[in-house]
């Protein structure tokens, strides 16, 4: 499966953005999908994940309550709605997928990656 992430941009502190991750292939519903991010000078970190079929979600503590991950398997797309954005959310955001049903947060488990989209939150 090929992934393409888009929707990033510049937003003010407290603002909102919605990222999209569009996937190719007819079996997208079999893939668990996650968002990761890499802030300047930091390692890539887990943000949120959604299971392949039943829509179970999991979030990093730093974004829980502010971000929401969802998917539309008919459109082969996963979304990340980001609200109440903070300057510390500034990062390149990547979507990733692996064929399976278990939610995982480890970068190592995901074998398909999008190219990343930059989110900048100004103070």
Protein backbone atom coordinates (compact mmCIF):
# COMPACT_ATOMS: atom_id res chain seq x y z
CA UNK A 1 0.00 0.00 0.00
CA UNK A 2 1.19 3.53 -0.75
CA UNK A 3 0.38 6.40 1.58
CA UNK A 4 0.21 10.13 0.98
CA UNK A 5 -0.15 12.55 3.87
CA UNK A 6 -1.39 16.08 3.34
CA UNK A 7 -3.19 18.93 5.07
CA UNK A 8 -0.37 20.49 7.05
CA UNK A 9 0.20 24.21 7.25
CA UNK A 10 0.70 27.22 9.49
CA UNK A 11 -1.81 27.81 12.26
CA UNK A 12 -1.92 30.00 15.35
CA UNK A 13 -1.77 28.76 18.91
CA UNK A 14 -5.19 27.31 19.77
CA UNK A 15 -6.15 26.72 16.16
CA UNK A 16 -7.17 23.56 14.32
CA UNK A 17 -6.03 21.54 11.33
CA UNK A 18 -7.13 18.29 9.76
CA UNK A 19 -4.54 16.00 8.25
CA UNK A 20 -5.44 13.34 5.72
CA UNK A 21 -3.66 10.14 4.78
CA UNK A 22 -4.76 8.76 1.44
CA UNK A 23 -3.92 5.15 0.65
CA UNK A 24 -3.76 3.21 -2.57
CA UNK A 25 -4.88 -0.39 -2.87
CA UNK A 26 -8.13 -2.25 -2.41
CA UNK A 27 -7.35 -3.87 0.95
CA UNK A 28 -6.85 -0.74 3.02
CA UNK A 29 -9.45 -1.94 5.52
CA UNK A 30 -7.00 -4.66 6.63
CA UNK A 31 -4.40 -2.11 7.73
CA UNK A 32 -3.99 -0.49 11.11
CA UNK A 33 -2.90 3.11 10.63
CA UNK A 34 -1.03 5.50 12.88
CA UNK A 35 0.23 9.04 12.88
CA UNK A 36 3.72 9.86 14.08
CA UNK A 37 5.51 13.17 14.24
CA UNK A 38 9.05 14.47 14.40
CA UNK A 39 9.68 17.85 15.93
CA UNK A 40 12.88 19.77 15.15
CA UNK A 41 15.81 18.17 16.93
CA UNK A 42 13.74 15.31 18.35
CA UNK A 43 13.08 11.69 17.58
CA UNK A 44 9.97 10.57 15.73
CA UNK A 45 7.17 9.88 18.23
CA UNK A 46 3.81 8.18 18.22
CA UNK A 47 0.72 10.41 18.08
CA UNK A 48 -2.38 8.28 17.45
CA UNK A 49 -3.49 4.99 15.92
CA UNK A 50 -6.67 3.39 14.67
CA UNK A 51 -7.37 -0.28 14.19
CA UNK A 52 -8.07 -1.85 10.84
CA UNK A 53 -11.70 -2.85 11.09
CA UNK A 54 -13.52 -1.80 14.25
CA UNK A 55 -12.19 1.73 14.61
CA UNK A 56 -10.57 1.34 18.01
CA UNK A 57 -8.27 4.29 18.69
CA UNK A 58 -5.34 5.06 20.93
CA UNK A 59 -3.57 8.35 21.62
CA UNK A 60 -0.35 9.60 23.08
CA UNK A 61 -1.00 11.35 26.42
CA UNK A 62 0.26 14.64 24.99
CA UNK A 63 -2.55 14.81 22.40
CA UNK A 64 -5.39 12.91 24.06
CA UNK A 65 -8.48 15.07 24.24
CA UNK A 66 -7.21 17.45 21.55
CA UNK A 67 -6.63 15.16 18.56
CA UNK A 68 -9.00 12.67 16.98
CA UNK A 69 -8.09 9.95 14.50
CA UNK A 70 -10.71 8.45 12.22
CA UNK A 71 -10.93 6.51 9.00
CA UNK A 72 -13.17 6.13 6.00
CA UNK A 73 -12.35 2.78 4.42
CA UNK A 74 -14.62 3.50 1.47
CA UNK A 75 -12.36 6.45 0.63
CA UNK A 76 -9.13 4.71 1.68
CA UNK A 77 -8.39 7.65 3.93
CA UNK A 78 -7.43 8.20 7.54
CA UNK A 79 -7.82 11.59 9.18
CA UNK A 80 -6.22 13.33 12.12
CA UNK A 81 -8.31 16.20 13.45
CA UNK A 82 -6.08 18.42 15.56
CA UNK A 83 -7.71 20.97 17.86
CA UNK A 84 -6.33 23.33 20.49
CA UNK A 85 -2.95 23.21 18.78
CA UNK A 86 0.10 24.34 20.73
CA UNK A 87 3.53 25.49 19.55
CA UNK A 88 4.95 22.20 20.85
CA UNK A 89 2.80 20.36 18.28
CA UNK A 90 4.99 21.84 15.55
CA UNK A 91 6.46 18.90 13.64
CA UNK A 92 6.45 16.93 10.44
CA UNK A 93 3.55 14.50 10.70
CA UNK A 94 3.73 11.08 9.06
CA UNK A 95 1.08 8.47 8.54
CA UNK A 96 2.06 4.83 8.65
CA UNK A 97 0.33 1.50 8.19
CA UNK A 98 0.79 -2.20 8.70
CA UNK A 99 -1.47 -5.10 7.82
CA UNK A 100 -2.93 -6.28 11.10
CA UNK A 101 -5.61 -5.76 13.70
CA UNK A 102 -3.63 -4.91 16.81
CA UNK A 103 -2.97 -1.30 17.73
CA UNK A 104 0.71 -0.69 18.29
CA UNK A 105 2.72 2.42 19.02
CA UNK A 106 6.14 1.21 17.97
CA UNK A 107 7.62 2.74 14.85
CA UNK A 108 9.23 -0.60 14.08
CA UNK A 109 5.88 -2.33 13.54
CA UNK A 110 4.79 -0.09 10.67
CA UNK A 111 6.19 -0.95 7.28
CA UNK A 112 4.39 1.54 5.05
CA UNK A 113 4.98 5.26 5.41
CA UNK A 114 3.75 8.45 3.84
CA UNK A 115 6.08 11.30 2.97
CA UNK A 116 5.16 13.63 5.85
CA UNK A 117 3.38 16.94 6.05
CA UNK A 118 4.62 19.94 8.04
CA UNK A 119 2.49 21.46 10.77
CA UNK A 120 3.68 24.75 12.25
CA UNK A 121 1.92 26.30 15.23
CA UNK A 122 2.84 29.90 15.92
CA UNK A 123 2.63 31.45 19.38
